[in-house]
Amino acid sequence: MLKINKIIENGHALFTLSGRLDTTTAPELDQELRSSLTGVTTLTLDMKDLSYISSAGLRVLLSAQKLMNKQGKMTVCNVNETVYEIFEVTGFSDILDIERAD
């Protein structure tokens, strides 16, 4: 299960994700991002409470990154050790602007 909380104002979108971003839930996030990013120049994905990300979730992040490269900046923040390891193994740590959790 994935919970998505989004706040959009003044060209900035903050998506707070909690739960699991996997094959079942990735389409929901993809749809939320696609329908929300028109006119957004800064996208922040807060993953403080994200416990798992699968390859389907990684594809959604890659798609969002490609879109934001054209219109602004995307940051992934509060990434825990488990999710960060997945980013490192897959090479996403080189593609995404990642701020790890303290």
N, C-alpha and C. Protein backbone atom coordinates (compact mmCIF):
# COMPACT_ATOMS: atom_id res chain seq x y z
N MET A 1 0.83 -1.19 0.00
CA MET A 1 0.00 0.00 0.00
C MET A 1 0.88 1.25 0.00
N LEU A 2 0.46 2.25 -0.74
CA LEU A 2 1.19 3.51 -0.84
C LEU A 2 0.24 4.66 -0.51
N LYS A 3 0.72 5.54 0.35
CA LYS A 3 -0.04 6.74 0.65
C LYS A 3 0.71 7.92 0.03
N ILE A 4 -0.03 8.74 -0.72
CA ILE A 4 0.56 9.90 -1.39
C ILE A 4 -0.12 11.15 -0.85
N ASN A 5 0.69 12.06 -0.33
CA ASN A 5 0.18 13.35 0.10
C ASN A 5 0.87 14.40 -0.77
N LYS A 6 0.09 15.25 -1.42
CA LYS A 6 0.73 16.24 -2.29
C LYS A 6 0.27 17.65 -1.94
N ILE A 7 1.23 18.56 -2.04
CA ILE A 7 0.99 19.98 -1.85
C ILE A 7 1.63 20.68 -3.04
N ILE A 8 0.82 21.47 -3.74
CA ILE A 8 1.33 22.20 -4.90
C ILE A 8 0.99 23.67 -4.73
N GLU A 9 2.02 24.50 -4.75
CA GLU A 9 1.80 25.95 -4.68
C GLU A 9 3.01 26.70 -5.23
N ASN A 10 2.72 27.78 -5.93
CA ASN A 10 3.76 28.66 -6.49
C ASN A 10 4.83 27.92 -7.29
N GLY A 11 4.41 26.98 -8.12
CA GLY A 11 5.37 26.27 -8.97
C GLY A 11 6.16 25.18 -8.28
N HIS A 12 5.85 24.92 -7.02
CA HIS A 12 6.55 23.86 -6.30
C HIS A 12 5.57 22.76 -5.93
N ALA A 13 5.97 21.51 -6.17
CA ALA A 13 5.16 20.35 -5.78
C ALA A 13 5.94 19.51 -4.78
N LEU A 14 5.28 19.19 -3.67
CA LEU A 14 5.84 18.31 -2.66
C LEU A 14 4.96 17.08 -2.57
N PHE A 15 5.54 15.93 -2.89
CA PHE A 15 4.85 14.66 -2.76
C PHE A 15 5.49 13.90 -1.60
N THR A 16 4.71 13.58 -0.58
CA THR A 16 5.20 12.80 0.54
C THR A 16 4.67 11.38 0.38
N LEU A 17 5.59 10.43 0.31
CA LEU A 17 5.23 9.03 0.04
C LEU A 17 5.45 8.20 1.30
N SER A 18 4.48 7.33 1.59
CA SER A 18 4.67 6.40 2.69
C SER A 18 4.11 5.03 2.29
N GLY A 19 4.81 4.00 2.74
CA GLY A 19 4.41 2.64 2.40
C GLY A 19 5.36 2.02 1.39
N ARG A 20 4.78 1.32 0.43
CA ARG A 20 5.57 0.59 -0.57
C ARG A 20 5.27 1.11 -1.97
N LEU A 21 6.33 1.42 -2.72
CA LEU A 21 6.18 1.82 -4.12
C LEU A 21 6.60 0.63 -4.96
N ASP A 22 5.60 -0.13 -5.41
CA ASP A 22 5.87 -1.37 -6.13
C ASP A 22 4.98 -1.49 -7.36
N THR A 23 4.94 -2.67 -7.95
CA THR A 23 4.19 -2.89 -9.18
C THR A 23 2.72 -2.52 -9.03
N THR A 24 2.16 -2.76 -7.87
CA THR A 24 0.75 -2.47 -7.62
C THR A 24 0.49 -0.98 -7.46
N THR A 25 1.39 -0.27 -6.79
CA THR A 25 1.15 1.13 -6.45
C THR A 25 1.81 2.14 -7.39
N ALA A 26 2.80 1.71 -8.17
CA ALA A 26 3.51 2.64 -9.06
C ALA A 26 2.59 3.35 -10.05
N PRO A 27 1.61 2.66 -10.66
CA PRO A 27 0.72 3.37 -11.59
C PRO A 27 -0.03 4.53 -10.94
N GLU A 28 -0.38 4.38 -9.67
CA GLU A 28 -1.09 5.45 -8.96
C GLU A 28 -0.19 6.69 -8.83
N LEU A 29 1.07 6.49 -8.44
CA LEU A 29 2.00 7.62 -8.33
C LEU A 29 2.24 8.23 -9.70
N ASP A 30 2.42 7.40 -10.70
CA ASP A 30 2.65 7.89 -12.05
C ASP A 30 1.51 8.80 -12.49
N GLN A 31 0.28 8.37 -12.26
CA GLN A 31 -0.89 9.16 -12.64
C GLN A 31 -0.94 10.47 -11.87
N GLU A 32 -0.67 10.41 -10.57
CA GLU A 32 -0.67 11.63 -9.74
C GLU A 32 0.37 12.64 -10.23
N LEU A 33 1.56 12.13 -10.55
CA LEU A 33 2.62 13.02 -11.04
C LEU A 33 2.25 13.62 -12.39
N ARG A 34 1.81 12.80 -13.31
CA ARG A 34 1.48 13.29 -14.66
C ARG A 34 0.37 14.34 -14.63
N SER A 35 -0.59 14.16 -13.74
CA SER A 35 -1.71 15.10 -13.70
C SER A 35 -1.40 16.36 -12.89
N SER A 36 -0.27 16.39 -12.20
CA SER A 36 0.02 17.49 -11.28
C SER A 36 1.18 18.39 -11.68
N LEU A 37 2.00 18.00 -12.64
CA LEU A 37 3.27 18.70 -12.85
C LEU A 37 3.25 19.81 -13.89
N THR A 38 2.12 20.07 -14.51
CA THR A 38 2.04 21.18 -15.45
C THR A 38 2.31 22.48 -14.70
N GLY A 39 3.30 23.23 -15.16
CA GLY A 39 3.64 24.51 -14.53
C GLY A 39 4.51 24.40 -13.29
N VAL A 40 4.85 23.18 -12.90
CA VAL A 40 5.71 22.98 -11.72
C VAL A 40 7.17 23.07 -12.14
N THR A 41 7.95 23.86 -11.42
CA THR A 41 9.37 24.00 -11.73
C THR A 41 10.26 23.29 -10.71
N THR A 42 9.71 22.98 -9.55
CA THR A 42 10.46 22.27 -8.52
C THR A 42 9.60 21.15 -7.96
N LEU A 43 10.09 19.93 -8.08
CA LEU A 43 9.39 18.76 -7.55
C LEU A 43 10.24 18.14 -6.46
N THR A 44 9.63 17.94 -5.29
CA THR A 44 10.30 17.27 -4.19
C THR A 44 9.51 16.02 -3.84
N LEU A 45 10.20 14.89 -3.80
CA LEU A 45 9.59 13.63 -3.37
C LEU A 45 10.18 13.28 -2.01
N ASP A 46 9.36 13.38 -0.97
CA ASP A 46 9.80 13.08 0.39
C ASP A 46 9.53 11.60 0.67
N MET A 47 10.59 10.84 0.87
CA MET A 47 10.48 9.39 1.04
C MET A 47 10.75 8.94 2.47
N LYS A 48 10.53 9.82 3.42
CA LYS A 48 10.83 9.51 4.81
C LYS A 48 10.16 8.22 5.28
N ASP A 49 8.92 8.03 4.86
CA ASP A 49 8.16 6.87 5.31
C ASP A 49 7.98 5.81 4.23
N LEU A 50 8.81 5.87 3.19
CA LEU A 50 8.76 4.85 2.14
C LEU A 50 9.63 3.67 2.56
N SER A 51 9.02 2.50 2.65
CA SER A 51 9.76 1.34 3.16
C SER A 51 10.38 0.49 2.05
N TYR A 52 9.89 0.63 0.80
CA TYR A 52 10.36 -0.24 -0.28
C TYR A 52 10.08 0.43 -1.61
N ILE A 53 10.97 0.20 -2.58
CA ILE A 53 10.73 0.65 -3.95
C ILE A 53 11.17 -0.46 -4.90
N SER A 54 10.31 -0.80 -5.85
CA SER A 54 10.60 -1.86 -6.83
C SER A 54 11.03 -1.23 -8.15
N SER A 55 11.33 -2.07 -9.13
CA SER A 55 11.71 -1.57 -10.44
C SER A 55 10.59 -0.75 -11.07
N ALA A 56 9.35 -1.10 -10.80
CA ALA A 56 8.22 -0.31 -11.32
C ALA A 56 8.23 1.09 -10.72
N GLY A 57 8.55 1.18 -9.45
CA GLY A 57 8.67 2.48 -8.80
C GLY A 57 9.83 3.29 -9.34
N LEU A 58 10.93 2.61 -9.61
CA LEU A 58 12.09 3.29 -10.20
C LEU A 58 11.76 3.85 -11.58
N ARG A 59 10.98 3.13 -12.35
CA ARG A 59 10.57 3.62 -13.68
C ARG A 59 9.75 4.90 -13.56
N VAL A 60 8.87 4.97 -12.56
CA VAL A 60 8.08 6.18 -12.34
C VAL A 60 8.99 7.35 -11.99
N LEU A 61 9.98 7.11 -11.13
CA LEU A 61 10.92 8.17 -10.77
C LEU A 61 11.72 8.63 -11.98
N LEU A 62 12.14 7.70 -12.81
CA LEU A 62 12.91 8.05 -14.00
C LEU A 62 12.07 8.89 -14.96
N SER A 63 10.82 8.52 -15.12
CA SER A 63 9.90 9.27 -15.97
C SER A 63 9.71 10.68 -15.44
N ALA A 64 9.52 10.81 -14.13
CA ALA A 64 9.36 12.13 -13.51
C ALA A 64 10.63 12.96 -13.67
N GLN A 65 11.78 12.32 -13.52
CA GLN A 65 13.06 13.03 -13.66
C GLN A 65 13.22 13.56 -15.08
N LYS A 66 12.87 12.74 -16.07
CA LYS A 66 12.97 13.19 -17.47
C LYS A 66 12.07 14.39 -17.72
N LEU A 67 10.87 14.36 -17.19
CA LEU A 67 9.95 15.48 -17.35
C LEU A 67 10.48 16.73 -16.65
N MET A 68 10.95 16.57 -15.43
CA MET A 68 11.44 17.73 -14.68
C MET A 68 12.74 18.29 -15.25
N ASN A 69 13.52 17.47 -15.95
CA ASN A 69 14.72 17.98 -16.61
C ASN A 69 14.35 19.04 -17.65
N LYS A 70 13.16 18.94 -18.22
CA LYS A 70 12.70 19.89 -19.23
C LYS A 70 12.11 21.16 -18.62
N GLN A 71 11.59 21.06 -17.39
CA GLN A 71 10.87 22.21 -16.85
C GLN A 71 11.35 22.70 -15.49
N GLY A 72 12.36 22.05 -14.93
CA GLY A 72 12.85 22.50 -13.63
C GLY A 72 13.74 21.49 -12.96
N LYS A 73 13.49 21.25 -11.68
CA LYS A 73 14.38 20.41 -10.87
C LYS A 73 13.56 19.43 -10.04
N MET A 74 14.11 18.23 -9.85
CA MET A 74 13.48 17.23 -9.00
C MET A 74 14.49 16.79 -7.93
N THR A 75 14.01 16.72 -6.70
CA THR A 75 14.83 16.26 -5.58
C THR A 75 14.09 15.15 -4.85
N VAL A 76 14.82 14.11 -4.48
CA VAL A 76 14.28 13.03 -3.66
C VAL A 76 14.93 13.20 -2.29
N CYS A 77 14.11 13.37 -1.25
CA CYS A 77 14.69 13.66 0.06
C CYS A 77 14.23 12.66 1.12
N ASN A 78 14.94 12.69 2.24
CA ASN A 78 14.67 11.82 3.40
C ASN A 78 14.68 10.34 3.03
N VAL A 79 15.63 9.96 2.19
CA VAL A 79 15.73 8.57 1.73
C VAL A 79 16.40 7.73 2.82
N ASN A 80 15.72 6.67 3.25
CA ASN A 80 16.28 5.80 4.29
C ASN A 80 17.33 4.86 3.69
N GLU A 81 18.01 4.15 4.56
CA GLU A 81 19.12 3.29 4.14
C GLU A 81 18.67 2.19 3.18
N THR A 82 17.53 1.59 3.43
CA THR A 82 17.03 0.49 2.58
C THR A 82 16.77 0.96 1.17
N VAL A 83 16.06 2.07 1.03
CA VAL A 83 15.74 2.60 -0.29
C VAL A 83 17.01 3.13 -0.97
N TYR A 84 17.89 3.76 -0.20
CA TYR A 84 19.13 4.27 -0.78
C TYR A 84 19.99 3.14 -1.36
N GLU A 85 20.01 2.01 -0.68
CA GLU A 85 20.76 0.86 -1.21
C GLU A 85 20.24 0.45 -2.58
N ILE A 86 18.92 0.47 -2.75
CA ILE A 86 18.32 0.13 -4.05
C ILE A 86 18.74 1.16 -5.09
N PHE A 87 18.75 2.45 -4.71
CA PHE A 87 19.21 3.49 -5.64
C PHE A 87 20.67 3.27 -6.03
N GLU A 88 21.51 2.87 -5.08
CA GLU A 88 22.93 2.65 -5.37
C GLU A 88 23.13 1.46 -6.30
N VAL A 89 22.49 0.33 -5.99
CA VAL A 89 22.66 -0.89 -6.78
C VAL A 89 22.18 -0.70 -8.22
N THR A 90 21.12 0.08 -8.39
CA THR A 90 20.55 0.27 -9.73
C THR A 90 21.19 1.42 -10.50
N GLY A 91 22.05 2.19 -9.83
CA GLY A 91 22.67 3.34 -10.49
C GLY A 91 21.83 4.61 -10.42
N PHE A 92 20.68 4.54 -9.77
CA PHE A 92 19.82 5.72 -9.66
C PHE A 92 20.44 6.79 -8.77
N SER A 93 21.39 6.41 -7.93
CA SER A 93 22.05 7.41 -7.09
C SER A 93 22.88 8.37 -7.93
N ASP A 94 23.22 7.97 -9.16
CA ASP A 94 23.96 8.84 -10.08
C ASP A 94 23.02 9.69 -10.93
N ILE A 95 21.76 9.29 -11.03
CA ILE A 95 20.80 9.97 -11.89
C ILE A 95 19.98 11.00 -11.12
N LEU A 96 19.60 10.64 -9.90
CA LEU A 96 18.70 11.48 -9.11
C LEU A 96 19.46 12.37 -8.14
N ASP A 97 18.85 13.52 -7.82
CA ASP A 97 19.36 14.40 -6.77
C ASP A 97 18.75 13.88 -5.47
N ILE A 98 19.57 13.20 -4.67
CA ILE A 98 19.08 12.50 -3.48
C ILE A 98 19.64 13.13 -2.22
N GLU A 99 18.74 13.39 -1.27
CA GLU A 99 19.13 13.84 0.06
C GLU A 99 18.74 12.73 1.02
N ARG A 100 19.74 12.14 1.65
CA ARG A 100 19.48 11.01 2.57
C ARG A 100 18.91 11.48 3.88
N ALA A 101 18.19 10.58 4.53
CA ALA A 101 17.63 10.86 5.85
C ALA A 101 18.75 10.98 6.86
N ASP A 102 18.56 11.82 7.85
CA ASP A 102 19.58 11.98 8.89
C ASP A 102 19.60 10.81 9.83
